[in-house]
Amino acid sequence: MIKLYDTLTRKKREFVPIVPGKVGMYSCGPTVYKYAHFGNMRAYVFMDCLRRVLEYNGLEVKSVMNITDVGHLLSDADEGEDKMVESAKREKKSPYEIADFYTGQFFADTDALNIKRPSVTPKATDNIPEMIEMVKTLLEKDYAYETGDGIYFSVEKFPGYGRLSKIKLDEQMHGARVDVNENKRNPIDFALWKKAEPNHIMQWDSPWGKGFPGWHIECSVMSNKYLGRVFDIHTGGVDHIPIHHENEIAQSEACYGIKTTNYWLHNEFMLYDGGKMSKSLGNAFTLSELAEKGYEPLVCRYFCLNVHYRQKINFTFEAMDAAKTAYERLLGQLYQHKQSAAKTDAAVLEKYKNKFEKAINDDLNIPLALGVLWTMLKERKSKDIYETAVRMDEVFGLKLNEARPQKAEQTELPDDAAAIAKRREEARAAKNWALSDELRNKLDEMGYSVKDTKDGQIVTKK
């Protein structure tokens, strides 16, 4: 049984898919106007782990993640310039060139993090007609109204507004700045469609003149288009809860007249040394920048997996150093298990498998599952342990099948020396000490020293 923490109900719930054996999952994707930083990537590592856990349990997952290439204004509260337009002006390129470039960079980063590509990755600009139709429906149902600068959703018309974020509508309206946008009936009404100035470089024909969609409506349209009226899971960061996802619920349920999402899951922020991580503060690094500092992308992924997705994770370079050391040690220990000819009792393997599955199915407790893996590696070296770890890696996504000697300690051996070292490992596992000594002497004659440790032998060049 899989249990997931549902943000809407604020409790863990047994996951029961709408269609037995299948899962429809929608995840809020990137606004492709600049490089994503490591903190941004936490949401996609979480999305990937959730998908992997579902698939590990035998479920077929259809994963949809949008690409926002229009409609996301500099302020989430419908103010300022479109982020795509602002970036296009800054880089002196068209918004479509900007979108194509940063979409490519985003997927290069997710590939490096071993994040599975979603089943469908629709662009906002490819779904403008469907967005216009949804706006028309909301106007017809009297949930929206037209002003001089656009079409807005009237939150007062939707009684359930605030369910996700637990905000009280009266308090929000009372405390809001009434001079933010004089076109709105209420300050917290949100844009479904914005009318464009003649010189605006991203605009489409609509019943209300030329314009472009609001940010929130794209997710309602694309989740419905690719997953249906009602789907299983919606994911995103906690920053989406009070505005983007609250608005998405309102416009979807108002339009379709039903609850459209069964489970809402949100990941917490990544902090920098206990404070906010942001490019503007100079403390948010891209994966490329971290790689230049010696932290390969899978070290970054390992770092993320060590903290539960619903807890804040604190980035420091000391913590990254620890993750790098631990990841290298993990691969090194797995390499030693892979080289061993010894066997592990099936009951022992089953014990670890059960503990692992209990952890991952309890609201994705990946840190606990990693602990199970580390404990299992303390068992006597055997290829059975290695193969069990590789099966667990279907969830971790750490490429444990690429186990290798620890870089800091193990010399890369030529084929002849590596073959002797492997035979010696097998002799030690079989407690054939005479053959072990004989093979040690051969390595010594070839110019290699051998050190035996609790984790296996370490062979280095003299």
Protein backbone atom coordinates (compact mmCIF):
# COMPACT_ATOMS: atom_id res chain seq x y z
CA MET A 1 0.00 0.00 0.00
CA ILE A 2 1.31 3.43 -0.99
CA LYS A 3 0.58 6.38 1.27
CA LEU A 4 1.03 9.95 0.06
CA TYR A 5 0.70 13.24 1.95
CA ASP A 6 -2.10 15.23 0.32
CA THR A 7 -1.66 18.99 0.76
CA LEU A 8 -5.38 19.61 0.35
CA THR A 9 -6.41 17.40 3.29
CA ARG A 10 -3.15 17.88 5.23
CA LYS A 11 -2.79 14.16 5.90
CA LYS A 12 -1.35 10.97 4.50
CA ARG A 13 -3.82 9.08 2.36
CA GLU A 14 -3.70 5.67 0.80
CA PHE A 15 -3.08 6.14 -2.90
CA VAL A 16 -5.87 4.64 -4.97
CA PRO A 17 -5.61 5.40 -8.71
CA ILE A 18 -8.71 6.32 -10.69
CA VAL A 19 -7.99 3.57 -13.20
CA PRO A 20 -6.53 0.44 -11.59
CA GLY A 21 -2.91 -0.02 -12.58
CA LYS A 22 -2.57 3.42 -14.20
CA VAL A 23 -1.63 6.87 -12.89
CA GLY A 24 -2.15 10.30 -14.43
CA MET A 25 0.34 12.80 -12.96
CA TYR A 26 0.68 16.50 -13.78
CA SER A 27 3.72 18.50 -12.67
CA CYS A 28 4.27 22.22 -12.95
CA GLY A 29 7.24 22.71 -15.26
CA PRO A 30 9.76 25.50 -15.82
CA THR A 31 9.27 28.99 -17.14
CA VAL A 32 11.99 28.85 -19.77
CA TYR A 33 13.41 32.36 -19.68
CA LYS A 34 16.73 31.74 -17.90
CA TYR A 35 18.93 28.94 -16.58
CA ALA A 36 17.37 26.84 -13.84
CA HIS A 37 19.46 26.64 -10.66
CA PHE A 38 19.96 23.67 -8.34
CA GLY A 39 17.23 24.85 -5.97
CA ASN A 40 14.73 24.84 -8.85
CA MET A 41 15.78 21.29 -9.68
CA ARG A 42 14.66 19.90 -6.34
CA ALA A 43 11.04 19.91 -7.55
CA TYR A 44 11.94 17.77 -10.55
CA VAL A 45 14.02 15.31 -8.52
CA PHE A 46 10.96 14.95 -6.27
CA MET A 47 8.66 14.54 -9.30
CA ASP A 48 10.99 11.85 -10.62
CA CYS A 49 11.19 9.97 -7.31
CA LEU A 50 7.40 9.93 -7.05
CA ARG A 51 7.10 8.55 -10.56
CA ARG A 52 9.79 5.95 -9.86
CA VAL A 53 8.06 4.78 -6.67
CA LEU A 54 4.77 4.41 -8.50
CA GLU A 55 6.45 2.48 -11.31
CA TYR A 56 8.40 0.32 -8.85
CA ASN A 57 5.00 -0.72 -7.50
CA GLY A 58 3.95 -1.85 -10.95
CA LEU A 59 1.84 1.17 -11.91
CA GLU A 60 1.89 2.63 -15.41
CA VAL A 61 2.47 6.37 -15.11
CA LYS A 62 1.51 9.00 -17.67
CA SER A 63 3.53 12.02 -16.60
CA VAL A 64 2.68 15.45 -18.01
CA MET A 65 4.86 18.50 -17.37
CA ASN A 66 4.15 21.87 -18.99
CA ILE A 67 6.69 24.24 -20.48
CA THR A 68 5.74 27.85 -19.72
CA ASP A 69 6.84 29.95 -22.69
CA VAL A 70 4.28 32.74 -22.32
CA GLY A 71 1.97 34.24 -19.69
CA HIS A 72 4.17 34.18 -16.57
CA LEU A 73 4.48 37.80 -15.49
CA LEU A 74 7.37 39.06 -13.37
CA SER A 75 4.97 39.22 -10.41
CA ASP A 76 2.83 36.17 -9.68
CA ALA A 77 0.06 38.66 -8.87
CA ASP A 78 -0.48 39.57 -12.55
CA GLU A 79 1.77 42.61 -12.52
CA GLY A 80 4.83 43.58 -14.52
CA GLU A 81 6.16 42.34 -17.84
CA ASP A 82 5.97 38.79 -19.17
CA LYS A 83 9.14 36.93 -18.12
CA MET A 84 9.69 35.66 -21.66
CA VAL A 85 9.42 39.16 -23.12
CA GLU A 86 11.71 40.64 -20.47
CA SER A 87 14.34 37.98 -21.19
CA ALA A 88 14.00 38.46 -24.95
CA LYS A 89 14.66 42.18 -24.61
CA ARG A 90 17.63 41.56 -22.32
CA GLU A 91 19.24 39.02 -24.64
CA LYS A 92 18.12 40.72 -27.88
CA LYS A 93 16.44 37.56 -29.20
CA SER A 94 12.87 36.59 -29.95
CA PRO A 95 10.83 34.98 -27.15
CA TYR A 96 10.72 31.77 -29.20
CA GLU A 97 14.52 31.69 -29.48
CA ILE A 98 14.73 32.26 -25.74
CA ALA A 99 12.23 29.47 -25.07
CA ASP A 100 13.94 26.97 -27.35
CA PHE A 101 17.38 27.64 -25.87
CA TYR A 102 16.41 27.45 -22.21
CA THR A 103 14.10 24.48 -22.77
CA GLY A 104 17.09 22.63 -24.20
CA GLN A 105 19.25 23.67 -21.26
CA PHE A 106 16.58 22.55 -18.81
CA PHE A 107 16.31 19.08 -20.31
CA ALA A 108 20.10 18.77 -20.47
CA ASP A 109 20.11 19.37 -16.70
CA THR A 110 17.29 16.93 -15.97
CA ASP A 111 19.00 14.29 -18.11
CA ALA A 112 22.24 14.84 -16.18
CA LEU A 113 20.31 14.37 -12.92
CA ASN A 114 18.91 11.09 -14.35
CA ILE A 115 15.36 12.45 -14.18
CA LYS A 116 13.09 10.49 -16.48
CA ARG A 117 11.58 12.66 -19.18
CA PRO A 118 7.82 13.11 -18.73
CA SER A 119 5.51 11.28 -21.11
CA VAL A 120 4.26 14.62 -22.49
CA THR A 121 5.86 18.09 -22.25
CA PRO A 122 3.39 20.51 -23.88
CA LYS A 123 4.22 24.17 -24.42
CA ALA A 124 1.82 26.92 -23.39
CA THR A 125 2.10 28.54 -26.83
CA ASP A 126 0.85 25.34 -28.49
CA ASN A 127 -2.38 25.42 -26.47
CA ILE A 128 -3.64 28.98 -26.89
CA PRO A 129 -6.95 28.02 -28.61
CA GLU A 130 -7.88 25.71 -25.73
CA MET A 131 -7.08 28.45 -23.22
CA ILE A 132 -9.33 30.89 -25.08
CA GLU A 133 -12.16 28.33 -25.00
CA MET A 134 -11.77 27.89 -21.25
CA VAL A 135 -11.88 31.65 -20.69
CA LYS A 136 -15.03 31.87 -22.79
CA THR A 137 -16.64 29.13 -20.67
CA LEU A 138 -15.76 30.91 -17.42
CA LEU A 139 -17.26 34.14 -18.77
CA GLU A 140 -20.43 32.31 -19.81
CA LYS A 141 -20.73 30.78 -16.34
CA ASP A 142 -20.26 34.24 -14.76
CA TYR A 143 -17.05 33.26 -12.92
CA ALA A 144 -15.08 35.83 -14.94
CA TYR A 145 -15.45 39.41 -16.12
CA GLU A 146 -13.88 41.64 -18.74
CA THR A 147 -12.04 44.89 -17.99
CA GLY A 148 -10.02 47.35 -19.99
CA ASP A 149 -6.84 45.32 -19.63
CA GLY A 150 -8.04 41.72 -19.63
CA ILE A 151 -10.33 38.97 -18.39
CA TYR A 152 -10.24 38.22 -14.67
CA PHE A 153 -11.52 35.40 -12.49
CA SER A 154 -13.77 36.59 -9.69
CA VAL A 155 -12.68 34.68 -6.60
CA GLU A 156 -15.82 35.78 -4.73
CA LYS A 157 -17.89 33.72 -7.17
CA PHE A 158 -16.03 30.53 -6.21
CA PRO A 159 -17.00 29.47 -2.64
CA GLY A 160 -14.12 27.00 -2.28
CA TYR A 161 -11.36 29.51 -2.84
CA GLY A 162 -8.60 29.08 -0.24
CA ARG A 163 -9.09 25.35 0.43
CA LEU A 164 -5.57 24.40 -0.61
CA SER A 165 -3.64 27.17 1.12
CA LYS A 166 -6.11 27.46 4.04
CA ILE A 167 -6.35 31.21 3.53
CA LYS A 168 -9.51 33.07 4.57
CA LEU A 169 -10.83 35.03 1.64
CA ASP A 170 -12.28 37.85 3.74
CA GLU A 171 -8.93 38.44 5.46
CA GLN A 172 -7.06 38.36 2.14
CA MET A 173 -9.40 40.91 0.58
CA HIS A 174 -9.36 43.14 3.65
CA GLY A 175 -5.57 43.19 3.81
CA ALA A 176 -4.91 43.55 0.08
CA ARG A 177 -3.73 46.76 -1.53
CA VAL A 178 -6.74 48.14 -3.35
CA ASP A 179 -4.61 50.28 -5.65
CA VAL A 180 -2.68 47.41 -7.23
CA ASN A 181 -4.89 47.21 -10.33
CA GLU A 182 -7.88 49.49 -10.62
CA ASN A 183 -9.34 47.28 -13.36
CA LYS A 184 -10.02 44.45 -10.93
CA ARG A 185 -13.21 44.22 -8.90
CA ASN A 186 -11.15 42.79 -6.06
CA PRO A 187 -7.37 42.92 -5.61
CA ILE A 188 -6.99 39.13 -5.42
CA ASP A 189 -8.91 38.38 -8.62
CA PHE A 190 -6.47 36.87 -11.09
CA ALA A 191 -5.90 37.19 -14.82
CA LEU A 192 -7.19 34.58 -17.25
CA TRP A 193 -6.31 36.66 -20.32
CA LYS A 194 -4.37 39.90 -20.70
CA LYS A 195 -5.04 42.40 -23.46
CA ALA A 196 -1.82 43.35 -25.21
CA GLU A 197 -0.48 46.72 -26.22
CA PRO A 198 0.14 47.01 -29.98
CA ASN A 199 3.92 46.73 -29.50
CA HIS A 200 3.75 43.65 -27.26
CA ILE A 201 5.84 40.94 -28.94
CA MET A 202 3.76 37.93 -27.82
CA GLN A 203 0.04 38.16 -28.63
CA TRP A 204 -2.78 36.19 -30.24
CA ASP A 205 -6.20 36.98 -31.65
CA SER A 206 -9.09 36.39 -29.25
CA PRO A 207 -12.75 37.43 -28.82
CA TRP A 208 -11.45 40.27 -26.64
CA GLY A 209 -8.85 41.55 -29.08
CA LYS A 210 -5.18 40.67 -29.30
CA GLY A 211 -3.62 39.42 -26.10
CA PHE A 212 -1.97 36.54 -24.25
CA PRO A 213 -3.01 34.07 -21.53
CA GLY A 214 -2.53 34.40 -17.80
CA TRP A 215 -0.02 32.04 -16.20
CA HIS A 216 -2.44 29.89 -14.19
CA ILE A 217 -4.81 28.86 -16.96
CA GLU A 218 -2.24 26.89 -18.92
CA CYS A 219 -2.03 24.16 -16.28
CA SER A 220 -5.81 23.76 -16.09
CA VAL A 221 -6.02 23.48 -19.86
CA MET A 222 -3.10 21.11 -20.39
CA SER A 223 -3.87 18.78 -17.47
CA ASN A 224 -7.42 18.41 -18.83
CA LYS A 225 -6.20 17.98 -22.42
CA TYR A 226 -3.61 15.30 -21.73
CA LEU A 227 -4.96 13.58 -18.58
CA GLY A 228 -8.72 14.14 -18.68
CA ARG A 229 -11.23 16.03 -16.52
CA VAL A 230 -10.12 14.22 -13.36
CA PHE A 231 -6.59 12.92 -12.81
CA ASP A 232 -4.69 11.34 -9.95
CA ILE A 233 -1.76 13.52 -8.84
CA HIS A 234 -0.63 17.13 -9.20
CA THR A 235 2.87 18.11 -8.02
CA GLY A 236 4.81 21.33 -7.58
CA GLY A 237 6.80 23.38 -5.09
CA VAL A 238 5.28 24.81 -1.89
CA ASP A 239 5.59 28.27 -3.44
CA HIS A 240 2.80 27.29 -5.85
CA ILE A 241 0.28 26.56 -3.09
CA PRO A 242 -1.06 30.04 -2.19
CA ILE A 243 -1.39 31.52 -5.69
CA HIS A 244 -0.78 29.31 -8.71
CA HIS A 245 -2.36 26.09 -7.47
CA GLU A 246 -5.13 27.86 -5.54
CA ASN A 247 -6.06 29.68 -8.73
CA GLU A 248 -5.78 26.53 -10.79
CA ILE A 249 -8.26 24.72 -8.54
CA ALA A 250 -10.70 27.62 -8.72
CA GLN A 251 -10.74 28.00 -12.50
CA SER A 252 -10.75 24.22 -13.18
CA GLU A 253 -13.58 23.39 -10.81
CA ALA A 254 -15.56 26.46 -11.87
CA CYS A 255 -15.21 25.50 -15.52
CA TYR A 256 -15.85 21.78 -15.28
CA GLY A 257 -18.08 21.66 -12.20
CA ILE A 258 -16.13 18.83 -10.54
CA LYS A 259 -13.04 18.24 -8.43
CA THR A 260 -10.27 17.67 -10.98
CA THR A 261 -7.28 16.49 -8.89
CA ASN A 262 -7.34 13.67 -6.33
CA TYR A 263 -3.93 14.20 -4.65
CA TRP A 264 -1.87 17.39 -4.32
CA LEU A 265 1.83 16.87 -3.48
CA HIS A 266 4.34 19.66 -2.84
CA ASN A 267 8.06 19.73 -2.15
CA GLU A 268 9.72 22.18 0.22
CA PHE A 269 12.36 24.80 -0.61
CA MET A 270 16.09 24.40 -0.89
CA LEU A 271 17.81 26.96 1.32
CA TYR A 272 21.32 28.38 1.10
CA ASP A 273 23.14 28.26 4.42
CA GLY A 274 19.81 28.59 6.25
CA GLY A 275 18.51 31.49 4.16
CA LYS A 276 16.77 32.07 0.84
CA MET A 277 18.39 30.67 -2.28
CA SER A 278 18.09 33.05 -5.22
CA LYS A 279 20.07 34.09 -8.30
CA SER A 280 19.53 37.72 -7.29
CA LEU A 281 21.33 37.01 -4.01
CA GLY A 282 24.23 35.36 -5.81
CA ASN A 283 23.84 32.08 -3.94
CA ALA A 284 22.01 29.91 -6.48
CA PHE A 285 24.23 27.73 -8.66
CA THR A 286 23.42 25.95 -11.89
CA LEU A 287 24.41 22.31 -12.33
CA SER A 288 27.18 23.41 -14.69
CA GLU A 289 28.59 25.76 -12.08
CA LEU A 290 28.48 23.00 -9.46
CA ALA A 291 30.18 20.59 -11.87
CA GLU A 292 33.00 23.13 -12.29
CA LYS A 293 33.37 23.05 -8.51
CA GLY A 294 33.72 19.26 -8.58
CA TYR A 295 30.15 18.14 -7.83
CA GLU A 296 28.86 15.92 -10.62
CA PRO A 297 25.08 15.94 -11.19
CA LEU A 298 24.50 12.57 -9.51
CA VAL A 299 26.19 13.91 -6.38
CA CYS A 300 23.59 16.71 -6.52
CA ARG A 301 20.84 14.12 -6.85
CA TYR A 302 22.25 12.14 -3.91
CA PHE A 303 22.30 15.35 -1.87
CA CYS A 304 18.57 15.87 -2.55
CA LEU A 305 17.65 12.30 -1.64
CA ASN A 306 19.04 12.63 1.87
CA VAL A 307 16.23 14.93 3.04
CA HIS A 308 12.51 14.13 2.85
CA TYR A 309 10.76 16.09 0.11
CA ARG A 310 8.42 17.79 2.63
CA GLN A 311 11.33 19.16 4.65
CA LYS A 312 13.51 22.13 3.75
CA ILE A 313 16.98 21.14 2.57
CA ASN A 314 19.97 23.33 3.43
CA PHE A 315 22.64 23.78 0.78
CA THR A 316 26.18 24.38 2.01
CA PHE A 317 29.43 23.41 0.36
CA GLU A 318 30.30 21.37 3.44
CA ALA A 319 27.09 19.39 2.91
CA MET A 320 27.92 18.97 -0.77
CA ASP A 321 31.39 17.71 0.13
CA ALA A 322 29.80 15.17 2.45
CA ALA A 323 27.39 14.08 -0.31
CA LYS A 324 30.28 13.70 -2.75
CA THR A 325 32.28 11.58 -0.33
CA ALA A 326 29.26 9.44 0.54
CA TYR A 327 28.30 8.90 -3.10
CA GLU A 328 31.83 7.85 -4.03
CA ARG A 329 31.94 5.52 -1.03
CA LEU A 330 28.58 4.07 -2.02
CA LEU A 331 29.80 3.27 -5.52
CA GLY A 332 33.03 1.87 -4.11
CA GLN A 333 31.29 -0.48 -1.71
CA LEU A 334 28.89 -1.63 -4.41
CA TYR A 335 31.86 -2.32 -6.69
CA GLN A 336 33.32 -4.63 -4.05
CA HIS A 337 30.01 -6.48 -3.74
CA LYS A 338 29.81 -6.74 -7.53
CA GLN A 339 33.24 -8.39 -7.69
CA SER A 340 32.44 -11.02 -5.05
CA ALA A 341 31.45 -14.57 -5.95
CA ALA A 342 29.93 -15.19 -2.53
CA LYS A 343 26.17 -15.65 -2.03
CA THR A 344 23.77 -14.03 0.44
CA ASP A 345 20.91 -15.93 2.01
CA ALA A 346 17.58 -15.16 0.28
CA ALA A 347 15.91 -14.44 3.61
CA VAL A 348 18.46 -11.70 4.34
CA LEU A 349 17.86 -10.08 0.95
CA GLU A 350 14.10 -10.28 1.46
CA LYS A 351 14.43 -8.55 4.84
CA TYR A 352 16.16 -5.56 3.28
CA LYS A 353 13.78 -5.49 0.31
CA ASN A 354 10.77 -5.35 2.66
CA LYS A 355 12.31 -2.53 4.73
CA PHE A 356 13.12 -0.60 1.57
CA GLU A 357 9.61 -0.94 0.17
CA LYS A 358 8.02 0.02 3.48
CA ALA A 359 10.09 3.22 3.47
CA ILE A 360 9.42 4.33 -0.10
CA ASN A 361 5.69 3.56 0.16
CA ASP A 362 5.35 5.66 3.31
CA ASP A 363 5.08 9.05 1.58
CA LEU A 364 8.35 8.59 -0.29
CA ASN A 365 10.67 8.26 2.69
CA ILE A 366 13.72 8.10 0.45
CA PRO A 367 16.20 9.07 3.22
CA LEU A 368 15.08 6.04 5.26
CA ALA A 369 15.31 3.85 2.16
CA LEU A 370 18.89 5.05 1.63
CA GLY A 371 19.60 4.07 5.23
CA VAL A 372 18.34 0.57 4.46
CA LEU A 373 20.72 0.40 1.50
CA TRP A 374 23.71 1.50 3.58
CA THR A 375 22.90 -1.05 6.27
CA MET A 376 22.61 -3.81 3.67
CA LEU A 377 26.06 -2.96 2.32
CA LYS A 378 27.57 -3.91 5.69
CA GLU A 379 26.68 -7.53 4.99
CA ARG A 380 29.37 -9.91 3.74
CA LYS A 381 30.40 -8.96 0.20
CA SER A 382 28.26 -10.70 -2.43
CA LYS A 383 26.96 -10.02 -5.90
CA ASP A 384 23.45 -10.71 -4.55
CA ILE A 385 23.75 -7.56 -2.44
CA TYR A 386 24.87 -5.60 -5.48
CA GLU A 387 21.95 -6.85 -7.58
CA THR A 388 19.47 -6.03 -4.80
CA ALA A 389 20.93 -2.52 -4.61
CA VAL A 390 20.53 -2.08 -8.37
CA ARG A 391 16.86 -3.07 -8.02
CA MET A 392 16.47 -0.43 -5.28
CA ASP A 393 18.11 2.05 -7.63
CA GLU A 394 15.01 1.93 -9.82
CA VAL A 395 13.75 4.41 -7.20
CA PHE A 396 16.99 6.19 -6.24
CA GLY A 397 18.05 6.84 -9.85
CA LEU A 398 21.72 7.07 -8.83
CA LYS A 399 23.09 4.79 -11.58
CA LEU A 400 24.36 2.29 -9.03
CA ASN A 401 24.91 -0.20 -11.85
CA GLU A 402 27.92 1.98 -12.73
CA ALA A 403 29.61 1.03 -9.43
CA ARG A 404 33.32 1.80 -9.45
CA PRO A 405 36.27 1.81 -7.06
CA GLN A 406 36.51 4.89 -4.88
CA LYS A 407 38.37 7.53 -6.84
CA ALA A 408 40.37 8.73 -3.89
CA GLU A 409 41.78 5.32 -3.04
CA GLN A 410 41.61 2.83 -5.90
CA THR A 411 44.17 2.89 -8.70
CA GLU A 412 42.74 2.24 -12.15
CA LEU A 413 44.26 -1.14 -12.94
CA PRO A 414 45.24 -2.53 -16.36
CA ASP A 415 43.33 -5.60 -17.46
CA ASP A 416 45.92 -8.17 -16.30
CA ALA A 417 46.28 -6.66 -12.83
CA ALA A 418 42.51 -6.14 -12.53
CA ALA A 419 41.94 -9.83 -13.32
CA ILE A 420 44.36 -10.89 -10.59
CA ALA A 421 42.80 -8.46 -8.11
CA LYS A 422 39.35 -9.86 -8.88
CA ARG A 423 40.57 -13.46 -8.41
CA ARG A 424 42.10 -12.45 -5.07
CA GLU A 425 38.79 -10.87 -3.94
CA GLU A 426 37.05 -14.12 -4.79
CA ALA A 427 39.70 -16.17 -2.97
CA ARG A 428 39.26 -14.03 0.15
CA ALA A 429 35.48 -14.43 -0.04
CA ALA A 430 35.99 -18.22 -0.21
CA LYS A 431 38.53 -17.99 2.67
CA ASN A 432 41.22 -19.51 0.44
CA TRP A 433 43.99 -17.67 2.23
CA ALA A 434 46.84 -19.52 0.47
CA LEU A 435 45.62 -18.46 -2.97
CA SER A 436 44.95 -14.97 -1.64
CA ASP A 437 48.58 -14.64 -0.52
CA GLU A 438 49.86 -16.02 -3.80
CA LEU A 439 47.87 -13.48 -5.78
CA ARG A 440 49.00 -10.66 -3.47
CA ASN A 441 52.60 -11.60 -4.26
CA LYS A 442 51.86 -11.50 -8.00
CA LEU A 443 50.44 -8.00 -7.67
CA ASP A 444 53.47 -6.99 -5.62
CA GLU A 445 55.78 -8.22 -8.39
CA MET A 446 53.79 -6.16 -10.89
CA GLY A 447 54.34 -3.02 -8.83
CA TYR A 448 51.07 -2.83 -6.88
CA SER A 449 50.51 -2.75 -3.13
CA VAL A 450 47.43 -4.35 -1.59
CA LYS A 451 45.67 -3.13 1.53
CA ASP A 452 42.87 -5.23 3.05
CA THR A 453 40.09 -3.28 4.78
CA LYS A 454 36.70 -4.13 6.25
CA ASP A 455 35.19 -2.95 2.96
CA GLY A 456 37.49 -5.06 0.80
CA GLN A 457 40.95 -4.77 -0.76
CA ILE A 458 42.45 -1.54 -2.04
CA VAL A 459 45.07 -1.90 -4.78
CA THR A 460 47.33 1.05 -5.52
CA LYS A 461 50.41 1.66 -7.62
CA LYS A 462 53.65 1.65 -5.58
